[in-house]
Amino acid sequence: MKKIIFLSFYSLILFTIILGVIYPLLVTGISKIFFAYQSEGSLIKVDNKIVGSELIGQKFDTSIYFWSRPSAIDNNPMPSGATNFGPTSDTLKRLTEIRRKNYADSNNLQPGEKIPDDAIFSSGSGVDPDISVENAILQTDRIAKVRNFDENKRKKLKELINRLTQKPQFGILGERRINVLLLNIELDKI
């Protein structure tokens, strides 16, 4: 009986040291060496000041910037989540109609013009950092008009969208997308 208790205690101490100390230090060390940017939270700096993370969406609601995807949690990453409204929900229908009208009016879209889903529906996490390329393109006229862009700057804006467009992961997973924070940082440079 004493031998079983000793072996149990010995195993507890051994595995605590291996799995609670050595393994975490090893994984942390490897991540710091080979994935430094990602292990620090994919933080984006402008003039040596952290302005956000590439992985967490931010709220942009002024007309001079590209707008992020709607968020059910106001882009707060701590209670990350969605509304969980189903397709028959009256609240979801009401919200999407309000968002559709606001988006169409703000971006001077023609009646019946297709609005991308990511401009109307909130993401599952509430902190999605990306929008579709179509969403970004539909916002360019509003931004160019508010910022008084001439034709040359409008062309740079479209080139910026092309340059920052990310392809589907591994060429097949997901859709083409653009990180809104990175896009708005580069927009300020035009």
N, C-alpha and C. Protein backbone atom coordinates (compact mmCIF):
# COMPACT_ATOMS: atom_id res chain seq x y z
N MET A 1 0.82 -1.19 0.00
CA MET A 1 0.00 0.00 0.00
C MET A 1 0.87 1.27 0.00
N LYS A 2 1.96 1.25 0.82
CA LYS A 2 2.85 2.40 0.87
C LYS A 2 3.52 2.61 -0.48
N LYS A 3 3.83 1.50 -1.16
CA LYS A 3 4.48 1.59 -2.47
C LYS A 3 3.56 2.25 -3.49
N ILE A 4 2.27 1.94 -3.46
CA ILE A 4 1.29 2.53 -4.38
C ILE A 4 1.16 4.03 -4.11
N ILE A 5 1.08 4.40 -2.84
CA ILE A 5 0.97 5.82 -2.48
C ILE A 5 2.24 6.56 -2.93
N PHE A 6 3.39 5.97 -2.69
CA PHE A 6 4.66 6.59 -3.11
C PHE A 6 4.71 6.75 -4.62
N LEU A 7 4.34 5.70 -5.37
CA LEU A 7 4.36 5.78 -6.84
C LEU A 7 3.36 6.82 -7.35
N SER A 8 2.21 6.89 -6.71
CA SER A 8 1.21 7.89 -7.10
C SER A 8 1.73 9.30 -6.86
N PHE A 9 2.30 9.52 -5.68
CA PHE A 9 2.86 10.83 -5.35
C PHE A 9 4.03 11.16 -6.28
N TYR A 10 4.89 10.21 -6.53
CA TYR A 10 6.05 10.39 -7.43
C TYR A 10 5.57 10.73 -8.84
N SER A 11 4.54 10.01 -9.33
CA SER A 11 3.99 10.29 -10.66
C SER A 11 3.39 11.70 -10.72
N LEU A 12 2.68 12.09 -9.67
CA LEU A 12 2.10 13.43 -9.61
C LEU A 12 3.19 14.50 -9.72
N ILE A 13 4.23 14.36 -8.94
CA ILE A 13 5.33 15.34 -8.95
C ILE A 13 6.02 15.33 -10.31
N LEU A 14 6.32 14.16 -10.84
CA LEU A 14 7.01 14.03 -12.13
C LEU A 14 6.21 14.67 -13.26
N PHE A 15 4.92 14.33 -13.35
CA PHE A 15 4.10 14.88 -14.43
C PHE A 15 3.80 16.36 -14.23
N THR A 16 3.74 16.81 -13.00
CA THR A 16 3.57 18.25 -12.75
C THR A 16 4.78 19.01 -13.26
N ILE A 17 5.96 18.50 -13.01
CA ILE A 17 7.18 19.16 -13.49
C ILE A 17 7.27 19.10 -15.01
N ILE A 18 7.00 17.93 -15.58
CA ILE A 18 7.12 17.77 -17.04
C ILE A 18 6.04 18.57 -17.76
N LEU A 19 4.78 18.38 -17.37
CA LEU A 19 3.66 19.00 -18.10
C LEU A 19 3.29 20.40 -17.59
N GLY A 20 3.69 20.71 -16.38
CA GLY A 20 3.34 22.02 -15.83
C GLY A 20 4.45 23.03 -15.91
N VAL A 21 5.69 22.58 -16.10
CA VAL A 21 6.82 23.51 -16.14
C VAL A 21 7.62 23.35 -17.45
N ILE A 22 8.16 22.19 -17.68
CA ILE A 22 9.06 21.98 -18.83
C ILE A 22 8.33 22.16 -20.16
N TYR A 23 7.19 21.49 -20.33
CA TYR A 23 6.45 21.58 -21.60
C TYR A 23 6.00 23.02 -21.91
N PRO A 24 5.36 23.73 -20.98
CA PRO A 24 4.99 25.12 -21.28
C PRO A 24 6.18 26.02 -21.61
N LEU A 25 7.29 25.85 -20.90
CA LEU A 25 8.47 26.65 -21.21
C LEU A 25 9.02 26.32 -22.60
N LEU A 26 9.02 25.05 -22.96
CA LEU A 26 9.50 24.62 -24.28
C LEU A 26 8.62 25.20 -25.39
N VAL A 27 7.31 25.07 -25.25
CA VAL A 27 6.38 25.58 -26.26
C VAL A 27 6.48 27.10 -26.35
N THR A 28 6.55 27.78 -25.22
CA THR A 28 6.69 29.24 -25.21
C THR A 28 7.99 29.66 -25.89
N GLY A 29 9.08 28.97 -25.58
CA GLY A 29 10.37 29.28 -26.20
C GLY A 29 10.34 29.09 -27.71
N ILE A 30 9.77 27.99 -28.16
CA ILE A 30 9.67 27.73 -29.61
C ILE A 30 8.82 28.80 -30.28
N SER A 31 7.69 29.16 -29.66
CA SER A 31 6.82 30.17 -30.27
C SER A 31 7.50 31.54 -30.32
N LYS A 32 8.26 31.89 -29.29
CA LYS A 32 8.97 33.18 -29.28
C LYS A 32 10.05 33.23 -30.35
N ILE A 33 10.68 32.10 -30.62
CA ILE A 33 11.76 32.05 -31.61
C ILE A 33 11.21 32.02 -33.03
N PHE A 34 10.27 31.12 -33.29
CA PHE A 34 9.80 30.90 -34.67
C PHE A 34 8.54 31.68 -35.04
N PHE A 35 7.75 32.10 -34.05
CA PHE A 35 6.49 32.80 -34.32
C PHE A 35 6.36 34.01 -33.39
N ALA A 36 7.37 34.85 -33.37
CA ALA A 36 7.41 35.98 -32.44
C ALA A 36 6.21 36.91 -32.61
N TYR A 37 5.88 37.27 -33.84
CA TYR A 37 4.78 38.20 -34.10
C TYR A 37 3.45 37.62 -33.60
N GLN A 38 3.19 36.36 -33.92
CA GLN A 38 1.94 35.72 -33.54
C GLN A 38 1.88 35.49 -32.02
N SER A 39 3.01 35.09 -31.42
CA SER A 39 2.99 34.78 -29.99
C SER A 39 2.79 36.03 -29.13
N GLU A 40 3.05 37.19 -29.69
CA GLU A 40 2.83 38.45 -28.97
C GLU A 40 1.45 39.02 -29.21
N GLY A 41 0.59 38.30 -29.95
CA GLY A 41 -0.77 38.75 -30.17
C GLY A 41 -1.02 39.41 -31.51
N SER A 42 -0.08 39.31 -32.45
CA SER A 42 -0.21 39.92 -33.77
C SER A 42 -0.54 41.41 -33.65
N LEU A 43 0.19 42.09 -32.79
CA LEU A 43 -0.07 43.50 -32.52
C LEU A 43 0.45 44.38 -33.64
N ILE A 44 -0.33 45.38 -33.99
CA ILE A 44 0.02 46.32 -35.06
C ILE A 44 0.43 47.63 -34.41
N LYS A 45 1.58 48.12 -34.84
CA LYS A 45 2.11 49.38 -34.30
C LYS A 45 2.17 50.43 -35.40
N VAL A 46 1.86 51.65 -35.01
CA VAL A 46 2.02 52.81 -35.88
C VAL A 46 2.80 53.83 -35.08
N ASP A 47 3.93 54.24 -35.59
CA ASP A 47 4.83 55.16 -34.88
C ASP A 47 5.18 54.64 -33.49
N ASN A 48 5.51 53.35 -33.42
CA ASN A 48 5.88 52.67 -32.18
C ASN A 48 4.78 52.68 -31.11
N LYS A 49 3.55 52.88 -31.53
CA LYS A 49 2.41 52.84 -30.62
C LYS A 49 1.47 51.73 -31.08
N ILE A 50 1.07 50.87 -30.16
CA ILE A 50 0.16 49.77 -30.50
C ILE A 50 -1.22 50.35 -30.77
N VAL A 51 -1.76 50.04 -31.97
CA VAL A 51 -3.07 50.54 -32.35
C VAL A 51 -4.12 49.43 -32.40
N GLY A 52 -3.69 48.19 -32.27
CA GLY A 52 -4.64 47.08 -32.28
C GLY A 52 -3.96 45.78 -32.62
N SER A 53 -4.78 44.77 -32.79
CA SER A 53 -4.31 43.45 -33.18
C SER A 53 -4.85 43.11 -34.55
N GLU A 54 -4.05 42.40 -35.31
CA GLU A 54 -4.48 41.97 -36.64
C GLU A 54 -5.62 40.95 -36.54
N LEU A 55 -5.79 40.35 -35.37
CA LEU A 55 -6.76 39.27 -35.20
C LEU A 55 -8.07 39.68 -34.55
N ILE A 56 -8.13 40.90 -34.02
CA ILE A 56 -9.33 41.35 -33.32
C ILE A 56 -9.87 42.60 -33.99
N GLY A 57 -11.10 42.52 -34.45
CA GLY A 57 -11.72 43.64 -35.15
C GLY A 57 -11.96 44.83 -34.24
N GLN A 58 -11.99 46.00 -34.85
CA GLN A 58 -12.27 47.23 -34.13
C GLN A 58 -13.44 47.93 -34.79
N LYS A 59 -14.07 48.78 -34.03
CA LYS A 59 -15.22 49.51 -34.55
C LYS A 59 -14.74 50.78 -35.26
N PHE A 60 -15.10 50.90 -36.52
CA PHE A 60 -14.86 52.11 -37.29
C PHE A 60 -16.22 52.58 -37.78
N ASP A 61 -16.70 53.68 -37.26
CA ASP A 61 -18.03 54.13 -37.66
C ASP A 61 -18.05 55.54 -38.25
N THR A 62 -16.89 56.11 -38.45
CA THR A 62 -16.82 57.42 -39.09
C THR A 62 -16.75 57.23 -40.60
N SER A 63 -17.24 58.20 -41.32
CA SER A 63 -17.32 58.10 -42.78
C SER A 63 -15.96 58.14 -43.48
N ILE A 64 -14.93 58.58 -42.79
CA ILE A 64 -13.62 58.68 -43.46
C ILE A 64 -12.86 57.36 -43.48
N TYR A 65 -13.40 56.33 -42.83
CA TYR A 65 -12.74 55.03 -42.78
C TYR A 65 -13.62 53.93 -43.34
N PHE A 66 -12.98 52.82 -43.70
CA PHE A 66 -13.73 51.61 -44.06
C PHE A 66 -14.38 51.09 -42.79
N TRP A 67 -15.63 50.67 -42.92
CA TRP A 67 -16.35 50.17 -41.78
C TRP A 67 -16.11 48.68 -41.59
N SER A 68 -16.03 48.28 -40.36
CA SER A 68 -15.89 46.87 -40.01
C SER A 68 -17.23 46.18 -40.13
N ARG A 69 -17.15 44.89 -40.00
CA ARG A 69 -18.37 44.08 -39.98
C ARG A 69 -19.17 44.42 -38.72
N PRO A 70 -20.52 44.41 -38.79
CA PRO A 70 -21.31 44.66 -37.58
C PRO A 70 -20.96 43.66 -36.48
N SER A 71 -21.08 44.10 -35.25
CA SER A 71 -20.74 43.25 -34.11
C SER A 71 -21.88 43.28 -33.10
N ALA A 72 -22.29 42.11 -32.65
CA ALA A 72 -23.34 42.01 -31.65
C ALA A 72 -22.85 42.43 -30.28
N ILE A 73 -21.53 42.46 -30.09
CA ILE A 73 -20.95 42.77 -28.78
C ILE A 73 -20.14 44.06 -28.82
N ASP A 74 -20.37 44.87 -29.85
CA ASP A 74 -19.68 46.16 -30.01
C ASP A 74 -18.16 45.99 -30.03
N ASN A 75 -17.69 44.92 -30.67
CA ASN A 75 -16.26 44.62 -30.85
C ASN A 75 -15.49 44.49 -29.54
N ASN A 76 -16.15 44.09 -28.47
CA ASN A 76 -15.48 43.86 -27.20
C ASN A 76 -15.04 42.39 -27.16
N PRO A 77 -13.73 42.12 -27.12
CA PRO A 77 -13.28 40.73 -27.20
C PRO A 77 -13.50 39.90 -25.95
N MET A 78 -13.83 40.50 -24.84
CA MET A 78 -13.98 39.72 -23.61
C MET A 78 -15.24 38.85 -23.60
N PRO A 79 -16.42 39.38 -23.92
CA PRO A 79 -17.57 38.47 -23.98
C PRO A 79 -17.84 38.04 -25.41
N SER A 80 -16.80 37.68 -26.14
CA SER A 80 -16.89 37.34 -27.55
C SER A 80 -18.08 36.44 -27.84
N GLY A 81 -18.85 36.80 -28.86
CA GLY A 81 -19.99 35.97 -29.22
C GLY A 81 -20.94 36.65 -30.18
N ALA A 82 -21.93 35.90 -30.58
CA ALA A 82 -22.91 36.38 -31.56
C ALA A 82 -24.26 36.59 -30.88
N THR A 83 -25.25 37.00 -31.66
CA THR A 83 -26.59 37.22 -31.13
C THR A 83 -27.35 35.92 -30.98
N ASN A 84 -27.03 34.94 -31.79
CA ASN A 84 -27.73 33.66 -31.82
C ASN A 84 -29.18 33.78 -32.27
N PHE A 85 -29.49 34.85 -33.03
CA PHE A 85 -30.82 34.97 -33.60
C PHE A 85 -30.93 33.99 -34.76
N GLY A 86 -32.04 33.29 -34.83
CA GLY A 86 -32.26 32.34 -35.91
C GLY A 86 -32.85 33.02 -37.13
N PRO A 87 -32.93 32.29 -38.26
CA PRO A 87 -33.42 32.89 -39.50
C PRO A 87 -34.89 33.32 -39.45
N THR A 88 -35.64 32.84 -38.48
CA THR A 88 -37.03 33.26 -38.35
C THR A 88 -37.23 34.37 -37.32
N SER A 89 -36.15 34.87 -36.76
CA SER A 89 -36.21 35.89 -35.72
C SER A 89 -36.64 37.24 -36.28
N ASP A 90 -37.67 37.82 -35.67
CA ASP A 90 -38.10 39.17 -36.07
C ASP A 90 -37.04 40.21 -35.75
N THR A 91 -36.33 40.01 -34.65
CA THR A 91 -35.26 40.94 -34.26
C THR A 91 -34.16 40.94 -35.30
N LEU A 92 -33.78 39.76 -35.78
CA LEU A 92 -32.74 39.66 -36.82
C LEU A 92 -33.20 40.35 -38.10
N LYS A 93 -34.43 40.13 -38.49
CA LYS A 93 -34.97 40.77 -39.71
C LYS A 93 -34.95 42.29 -39.57
N ARG A 94 -35.36 42.77 -38.41
CA ARG A 94 -35.39 44.21 -38.16
C ARG A 94 -33.96 44.80 -38.19
N LEU A 95 -33.03 44.12 -37.51
CA LEU A 95 -31.64 44.57 -37.50
C LEU A 95 -31.04 44.61 -38.90
N THR A 96 -31.25 43.56 -39.66
CA THR A 96 -30.66 43.50 -41.00
C THR A 96 -31.26 44.56 -41.91
N GLU A 97 -32.52 44.84 -41.77
CA GLU A 97 -33.13 45.88 -42.60
C GLU A 97 -32.58 47.26 -42.25
N ILE A 98 -32.39 47.52 -40.95
CA ILE A 98 -31.81 48.80 -40.52
C ILE A 98 -30.38 48.92 -41.05
N ARG A 99 -29.60 47.85 -40.90
CA ARG A 99 -28.21 47.87 -41.39
C ARG A 99 -28.15 48.02 -42.91
N ARG A 100 -29.04 47.31 -43.60
CA ARG A 100 -29.08 47.39 -45.07
C ARG A 100 -29.37 48.82 -45.52
N LYS A 101 -30.37 49.45 -44.89
CA LYS A 101 -30.75 50.83 -45.26
C LYS A 101 -29.61 51.81 -44.95
N ASN A 102 -29.03 51.70 -43.76
CA ASN A 102 -27.93 52.60 -43.38
C ASN A 102 -26.73 52.44 -44.32
N TYR A 103 -26.40 51.20 -44.65
CA TYR A 103 -25.26 50.95 -45.53
C TYR A 103 -25.53 51.51 -46.93
N ALA A 104 -26.71 51.24 -47.45
CA ALA A 104 -27.06 51.71 -48.80
C ALA A 104 -27.10 53.24 -48.85
N ASP A 105 -27.70 53.86 -47.85
CA ASP A 105 -27.78 55.33 -47.82
C ASP A 105 -26.39 55.96 -47.66
N SER A 106 -25.59 55.43 -46.77
CA SER A 106 -24.26 56.00 -46.50
C SER A 106 -23.31 55.85 -47.68
N ASN A 107 -23.47 54.77 -48.44
CA ASN A 107 -22.56 54.51 -49.56
C ASN A 107 -23.18 54.84 -50.91
N ASN A 108 -24.32 55.57 -50.89
CA ASN A 108 -25.00 56.03 -52.11
C ASN A 108 -25.23 54.90 -53.11
N LEU A 109 -25.76 53.78 -52.63
CA LEU A 109 -26.04 52.64 -53.50
C LEU A 109 -27.41 52.79 -54.14
N GLN A 110 -27.54 52.24 -55.32
CA GLN A 110 -28.81 52.27 -56.04
C GLN A 110 -29.79 51.28 -55.40
N PRO A 111 -31.08 51.57 -55.45
CA PRO A 111 -32.06 50.63 -54.91
C PRO A 111 -31.91 49.26 -55.59
N GLY A 112 -31.91 48.23 -54.78
CA GLY A 112 -31.79 46.88 -55.30
C GLY A 112 -30.36 46.41 -55.53
N GLU A 113 -29.37 47.32 -55.33
CA GLU A 113 -27.97 46.92 -55.51
C GLU A 113 -27.58 45.94 -54.41
N LYS A 114 -26.86 44.90 -54.79
CA LYS A 114 -26.48 43.84 -53.85
C LYS A 114 -25.52 44.38 -52.80
N ILE A 115 -25.85 44.11 -51.55
CA ILE A 115 -24.99 44.48 -50.42
C ILE A 115 -24.40 43.20 -49.86
N PRO A 116 -23.08 43.15 -49.68
CA PRO A 116 -22.46 41.93 -49.17
C PRO A 116 -23.00 41.56 -47.78
N ASP A 117 -23.10 40.27 -47.54
CA ASP A 117 -23.63 39.79 -46.25
C ASP A 117 -22.83 40.30 -45.06
N ASP A 118 -21.52 40.44 -45.24
CA ASP A 118 -20.69 40.88 -44.10
C ASP A 118 -20.90 42.36 -43.76
N ALA A 119 -21.66 43.08 -44.56
CA ALA A 119 -22.00 44.46 -44.22
C ALA A 119 -23.31 44.52 -43.44
N ILE A 120 -24.03 43.40 -43.41
CA ILE A 120 -25.36 43.37 -42.79
C ILE A 120 -25.41 42.48 -41.55
N PHE A 121 -24.77 41.31 -41.64
CA PHE A 121 -24.82 40.34 -40.56
C PHE A 121 -23.57 40.40 -39.69
N SER A 122 -23.76 40.31 -38.39
CA SER A 122 -22.61 40.31 -37.48
C SER A 122 -21.92 38.94 -37.53
N SER A 123 -20.67 38.93 -37.17
CA SER A 123 -19.90 37.69 -37.21
C SER A 123 -20.21 36.83 -36.00
N GLY A 124 -19.82 35.57 -36.07
CA GLY A 124 -20.06 34.64 -34.98
C GLY A 124 -19.28 34.99 -33.72
N SER A 125 -18.10 35.57 -33.90
CA SER A 125 -17.28 35.93 -32.74
C SER A 125 -17.57 37.34 -32.24
N GLY A 126 -18.04 38.19 -33.11
CA GLY A 126 -18.26 39.58 -32.76
C GLY A 126 -17.03 40.45 -32.90
N VAL A 127 -15.90 39.84 -33.23
CA VAL A 127 -14.64 40.58 -33.35
C VAL A 127 -13.92 40.23 -34.65
N ASP A 128 -14.66 39.93 -35.70
CA ASP A 128 -14.06 39.57 -36.98
C ASP A 128 -13.29 40.77 -37.53
N PRO A 129 -11.99 40.61 -37.81
CA PRO A 129 -11.17 41.75 -38.25
C PRO A 129 -11.25 42.02 -39.75
N ASP A 130 -11.90 41.15 -40.51
CA ASP A 130 -11.88 41.24 -41.97
C ASP A 130 -13.25 41.56 -42.54
N ILE A 131 -13.22 42.15 -43.73
CA ILE A 131 -14.43 42.33 -44.53
C ILE A 131 -14.14 41.76 -45.92
N SER A 132 -15.20 41.54 -46.67
CA SER A 132 -15.03 41.02 -48.03
C SER A 132 -14.50 42.12 -48.94
N VAL A 133 -13.91 41.72 -50.03
CA VAL A 133 -13.39 42.67 -51.01
C VAL A 133 -14.56 43.49 -51.58
N GLU A 134 -15.68 42.84 -51.82
CA GLU A 134 -16.86 43.53 -52.36
C GLU A 134 -17.33 44.62 -51.41
N ASN A 135 -17.31 44.33 -50.12
CA ASN A 135 -17.70 45.30 -49.10
C ASN A 135 -16.76 46.51 -49.16
N ALA A 136 -15.47 46.26 -49.24
CA ALA A 136 -14.50 47.36 -49.30
C ALA A 136 -14.71 48.21 -50.56
N ILE A 137 -14.92 47.56 -51.69
CA ILE A 137 -15.11 48.29 -52.95
C ILE A 137 -16.34 49.18 -52.90
N LEU A 138 -17.42 48.68 -52.30
CA LEU A 138 -18.64 49.49 -52.21
C LEU A 138 -18.47 50.72 -51.31
N GLN A 139 -17.50 50.70 -50.43
CA GLN A 139 -17.28 51.83 -49.52
C GLN A 139 -16.31 52.87 -50.10
N THR A 140 -15.63 52.56 -51.20
CA THR A 140 -14.60 53.47 -51.72
C THR A 140 -15.14 54.82 -52.15
N ASP A 141 -16.31 54.85 -52.79
CA ASP A 141 -16.84 56.14 -53.25
C ASP A 141 -17.16 57.06 -52.07
N ARG A 142 -17.73 56.50 -51.00
CA ARG A 142 -18.04 57.31 -49.81
C ARG A 142 -16.76 57.89 -49.22
N ILE A 143 -15.75 57.05 -49.08
CA ILE A 143 -14.49 57.49 -48.47
C ILE A 143 -13.80 58.53 -49.35
N ALA A 144 -13.77 58.27 -50.64
CA ALA A 144 -13.12 59.21 -51.56
C ALA A 144 -13.84 60.57 -51.56
N LYS A 145 -15.14 60.54 -51.48
CA LYS A 145 -15.92 61.78 -51.47
C LYS A 145 -15.68 62.56 -50.17
N VAL A 146 -15.74 61.88 -49.03
CA VAL A 146 -15.56 62.55 -47.74
C VAL A 146 -14.14 63.09 -47.59
N ARG A 147 -13.16 62.37 -48.13
CA ARG A 147 -11.76 62.80 -48.02
C ARG A 147 -11.34 63.72 -49.19
N ASN A 148 -12.26 64.04 -50.06
CA ASN A 148 -11.99 64.91 -51.21
C ASN A 148 -10.84 64.39 -52.07
N PHE A 149 -10.86 63.10 -52.37
CA PHE A 149 -9.82 62.49 -53.20
C PHE A 149 -10.00 62.89 -54.66
N ASP A 150 -8.89 63.24 -55.30
CA ASP A 150 -8.92 63.46 -56.74
C ASP A 150 -8.81 62.09 -57.42
N GLU A 151 -8.79 62.09 -58.74
CA GLU A 151 -8.77 60.84 -59.49
C GLU A 151 -7.52 60.01 -59.19
N ASN A 152 -6.39 60.67 -58.98
CA ASN A 152 -5.15 59.97 -58.68
C ASN A 152 -5.24 59.23 -57.34
N LYS A 153 -5.80 59.90 -56.34
CA LYS A 153 -5.94 59.27 -55.02
C LYS A 153 -6.99 58.17 -55.04
N ARG A 154 -8.02 58.33 -55.85
CA ARG A 154 -9.03 57.26 -56.00
C ARG A 154 -8.37 56.00 -56.58
N LYS A 155 -7.49 56.22 -57.53
CA LYS A 155 -6.78 55.09 -58.14
C LYS A 155 -5.89 54.40 -57.10
N LYS A 156 -5.20 55.21 -56.27
CA LYS A 156 -4.37 54.65 -55.20
C LYS A 156 -5.20 53.86 -54.20
N LEU A 157 -6.42 54.33 -53.94
CA LEU A 157 -7.31 53.64 -53.02
C LEU A 157 -7.67 52.25 -53.56
N LYS A 158 -7.97 52.17 -54.83
CA LYS A 158 -8.29 50.87 -55.44
C LYS A 158 -7.07 49.96 -55.49
N GLU A 159 -5.91 50.54 -55.73
CA GLU A 159 -4.67 49.74 -55.71
C GLU A 159 -4.40 49.23 -54.30
N LEU A 160 -4.71 50.04 -53.31
CA LEU A 160 -4.54 49.65 -51.92
C LEU A 160 -5.40 48.43 -51.59
N ILE A 161 -6.63 48.43 -52.04
CA ILE A 161 -7.52 47.29 -51.82
C ILE A 161 -6.95 46.05 -52.48
N ASN A 162 -6.48 46.18 -53.71
CA ASN A 162 -5.89 45.02 -54.41
C ASN A 162 -4.66 44.50 -53.68
N ARG A 163 -3.84 45.41 -53.18
CA ARG A 163 -2.59 45.02 -52.52
C ARG A 163 -2.84 44.31 -51.18
N LEU A 164 -3.86 44.75 -50.45
CA LEU A 164 -4.12 44.19 -49.12
C LEU A 164 -5.10 43.02 -49.12
N THR A 165 -5.62 42.68 -50.29
CA THR A 165 -6.55 41.54 -50.37
C THR A 165 -5.82 40.24 -50.06
N GLN A 166 -6.37 39.50 -49.12
CA GLN A 166 -5.82 38.19 -48.74
C GLN A 166 -6.62 37.12 -49.46
N LYS A 167 -5.90 36.16 -50.01
CA LYS A 167 -6.56 35.06 -50.71
C LYS A 167 -7.07 34.04 -49.70
N PRO A 168 -7.96 33.14 -50.13
CA PRO A 168 -8.41 32.08 -49.22
C PRO A 168 -7.22 31.28 -48.70
N GLN A 169 -7.32 30.84 -47.46
CA GLN A 169 -6.23 30.08 -46.85
C GLN A 169 -6.02 28.78 -47.62
N PHE A 170 -4.76 28.49 -47.92
CA PHE A 170 -4.36 27.32 -48.71
C PHE A 170 -5.03 27.32 -50.09
N GLY A 171 -5.54 28.46 -50.51
CA GLY A 171 -6.16 28.59 -51.82
C GLY A 171 -7.60 28.11 -51.89
N ILE A 172 -8.11 27.49 -50.83
CA ILE A 172 -9.47 26.94 -50.90
C ILE A 172 -10.35 27.26 -49.68
N LEU A 173 -9.76 27.60 -48.55
CA LEU A 173 -10.54 27.80 -47.32
C LEU A 173 -10.93 29.26 -47.15
N GLY A 174 -12.22 29.52 -47.08
CA GLY A 174 -12.69 30.88 -46.88
C GLY A 174 -12.82 31.65 -48.19
N GLU A 175 -12.89 32.94 -48.05
CA GLU A 175 -13.04 33.84 -49.21
C GLU A 175 -11.93 34.87 -49.21
N ARG A 176 -11.84 35.61 -50.30
CA ARG A 176 -10.90 36.74 -50.34
C ARG A 176 -11.40 37.76 -49.32
N ARG A 177 -10.46 38.37 -48.60
CA ARG A 177 -10.84 39.26 -47.52
C ARG A 177 -9.78 40.34 -47.32
N ILE A 178 -10.15 41.35 -46.56
CA ILE A 178 -9.24 42.45 -46.25
C ILE A 178 -9.35 42.77 -44.77
N ASN A 179 -8.22 42.93 -44.12
CA ASN A 179 -8.19 43.31 -42.72
C ASN A 179 -8.49 44.81 -42.65
N VAL A 180 -9.55 45.17 -41.93
CA VAL A 180 -10.02 46.55 -41.89
C VAL A 180 -9.03 47.48 -41.20
N LEU A 181 -8.41 47.04 -40.12
CA LEU A 181 -7.45 47.89 -39.42
C LEU A 181 -6.25 48.20 -40.31
N LEU A 182 -5.70 47.18 -40.95
CA LEU A 182 -4.56 47.41 -41.85
C LEU A 182 -4.96 48.32 -43.01
N LEU A 183 -6.15 48.11 -43.53
CA LEU A 183 -6.65 48.93 -44.65
C LEU A 183 -6.78 50.40 -44.23
N ASN A 184 -7.34 50.64 -43.05
CA ASN A 184 -7.51 52.02 -42.59
C ASN A 184 -6.19 52.70 -42.25
N ILE A 185 -5.24 51.93 -41.75
CA ILE A 185 -3.90 52.50 -41.48
C ILE A 185 -3.26 52.96 -42.79
N GLU A 186 -3.36 52.12 -43.81
CA GLU A 186 -2.77 52.47 -45.12
C GLU A 186 -3.57 53.59 -45.79
N LEU A 187 -4.87 53.63 -45.55
CA LEU A 187 -5.71 54.69 -46.10
C LEU A 187 -5.26 56.06 -45.62
N ASP A 188 -4.87 56.15 -44.37
CA ASP A 188 -4.39 57.43 -43.83
C ASP A 188 -3.10 57.89 -44.48
N LYS A 189 -2.38 56.99 -45.14
CA LYS A 189 -1.12 57.36 -45.79
C LYS A 189 -1.33 57.93 -47.19
N ILE A 190 -2.53 57.80 -47.72
CA ILE A 190 -2.79 58.33 -49.08
C ILE A 190 -2.91 59.85 -49.01
